[in-house]
N, C-alpha and C. Protein backbone atom coordinates (compact mmCIF):
# COMPACT_ATOMS: atom_id res chain seq x y z
N UNK A 1 0.68 -1.29 0.45
CA UNK A 1 0.10 0.07 0.65
C UNK A 1 1.00 1.30 -0.29
N UNK A 2 1.70 1.81 -0.66
CA UNK A 2 2.83 2.81 -1.03
C UNK A 2 1.68 4.44 -1.62
N UNK A 3 0.72 3.59 -2.47
CA UNK A 3 0.07 4.69 -2.80
C UNK A 3 -0.70 5.30 -2.40
N UNK A 4 -1.43 4.54 -0.99
CA UNK A 4 -2.36 5.91 -0.55
C UNK A 4 -1.49 6.92 0.25
N UNK A 5 -0.60 7.45 0.45
CA UNK A 5 -0.15 8.54 1.28
C UNK A 5 0.48 9.75 -0.11
N UNK A 6 0.73 9.15 -1.32
CA UNK A 6 -0.15 10.68 -2.22
C UNK A 6 -0.84 10.00 -3.57
N UNK A 7 -1.77 9.95 -3.08
CA UNK A 7 -3.02 9.28 -3.70
C UNK A 7 -3.37 10.11 -5.27
N UNK A 8 -3.63 11.61 -4.63
CA UNK A 8 -3.62 12.58 -5.53
C UNK A 8 -2.66 13.34 -6.83
N UNK A 9 -1.46 12.77 -6.80
CA UNK A 9 -0.60 13.62 -7.05
C UNK A 9 -0.77 12.41 -8.35
N UNK A 10 -0.43 10.82 -8.50
CA UNK A 10 -0.41 10.33 -9.72
C UNK A 10 -2.00 10.51 -10.42
N UNK A 11 -2.71 10.32 -9.84
CA UNK A 11 -3.65 10.24 -9.84
C UNK A 11 -4.09 11.83 -11.74
N UNK A 12 -3.41 12.59 -11.17
CA UNK A 12 -3.73 14.10 -11.26
C UNK A 12 -2.79 13.30 -13.47
N UNK A 13 -1.25 13.17 -13.14
CA UNK A 13 -0.86 12.36 -13.60
C UNK A 13 -0.84 11.42 -14.88
N UNK A 14 -2.17 10.58 -14.46
CA UNK A 14 -2.61 9.31 -15.71
C UNK A 14 -3.79 10.57 -16.36
N UNK A 15 -4.79 11.67 -16.04
CA UNK A 15 -5.63 12.33 -16.28
C UNK A 15 -5.20 12.96 -16.88
N UNK A 16 -3.76 13.39 -17.10
CA UNK A 16 -3.24 14.41 -18.57
C UNK A 16 -2.52 13.27 -19.16
N UNK A 17 -2.08 11.86 -18.98
CA UNK A 17 -1.47 11.26 -20.39
C UNK A 17 -2.81 10.54 -20.62
N UNK A 18 -4.54 10.16 -19.82
CA UNK A 18 -4.72 10.13 -20.71
C UNK A 18 -5.81 11.15 -22.14
N UNK A 19 -5.57 12.45 -21.32
CA UNK A 19 -5.78 12.77 -22.37
C UNK A 19 -4.79 13.57 -23.82
N UNK A 20 -3.98 13.34 -23.40
CA UNK A 20 -3.26 12.94 -24.65
C UNK A 20 -3.12 11.47 -25.09
N UNK A 21 -3.62 10.77 -24.65
CA UNK A 21 -3.91 9.76 -25.69
C UNK A 21 -5.44 10.23 -26.54
N UNK A 22 -5.94 10.21 -26.04
CA UNK A 22 -7.19 11.01 -26.42
C UNK A 22 -7.18 12.04 -27.62
N UNK A 23 -6.11 12.88 -27.16
CA UNK A 23 -6.39 13.71 -28.57
C UNK A 23 -5.22 12.75 -29.85
N UNK A 24 -4.41 12.11 -29.04
CA UNK A 24 -3.90 11.20 -30.10
C UNK A 24 -4.72 10.19 -31.28
N UNK A 25 -5.49 9.61 -30.73
CA UNK A 25 -6.11 8.73 -30.68
C UNK A 25 -7.24 9.30 -31.67
N UNK A 26 -7.44 10.59 -31.40
CA UNK A 26 -8.76 11.09 -32.80
C UNK A 26 -7.87 11.95 -34.06
N UNK A 27 -6.61 12.63 -33.49
CA UNK A 27 -5.87 12.42 -34.99
C UNK A 27 -5.27 11.55 -35.61
N UNK A 28 -5.38 10.53 -35.03
CA UNK A 28 -4.66 8.43 -36.12
C UNK A 28 -6.44 8.39 -36.29
N UNK A 29 -7.73 8.65 -35.83
CA UNK A 29 -9.08 8.61 -36.49
C UNK A 29 -9.08 8.94 -37.44
N UNK A 30 -9.23 10.69 -37.34
CA UNK A 30 -8.54 11.66 -38.61
C UNK A 30 -8.14 11.27 -39.82
N UNK A 31 -6.46 11.25 -39.47
CA UNK A 31 -5.40 10.32 -40.21
C UNK A 31 -5.98 9.24 -41.14
N UNK A 32 -6.49 8.53 -40.39
CA UNK A 32 -6.91 7.31 -41.43
C UNK A 32 -8.21 7.41 -42.37
N UNK A 33 -8.86 8.54 -41.71
CA UNK A 33 -10.30 8.65 -42.26
C UNK A 33 -9.88 9.07 -44.13
N UNK A 34 -8.88 10.55 -43.71
CA UNK A 34 -8.60 10.83 -45.05
C UNK A 34 -7.66 9.68 -45.96
N UNK A 35 -6.68 8.85 -45.09
CA UNK A 35 -5.63 7.80 -46.59
C UNK A 35 -6.87 6.94 -46.61
N UNK A 36 -8.00 6.31 -45.66
CA UNK A 36 -9.08 5.59 -46.75
C UNK A 36 -9.90 6.08 -47.89
N UNK A 37 -9.96 7.73 -47.19
CA UNK A 37 -11.19 8.71 -48.10
C UNK A 37 -10.12 9.10 -49.88
N UNK A 38 -8.58 8.30 -49.27
CA UNK A 38 -7.73 9.64 -50.89
C UNK A 38 -7.68 7.95 -51.95
N UNK A 39 -7.81 6.30 -50.67
CA UNK A 39 -7.76 5.53 -51.56
C UNK A 39 -9.53 5.02 -52.28
N UNK A 40 -10.43 5.56 -51.91
CA UNK A 40 -11.31 5.01 -51.90
C UNK A 40 -12.25 5.59 -53.61
């Protein structure tokens, strides 16, 4: 139970990482759409 003491800090860091992952995912979907649209 090491995480019990500083519970708030890692959660905020993880939240920032998660938003970065979501943004990257959205960019990837848009790029994929444009690539498939150009081949169609």
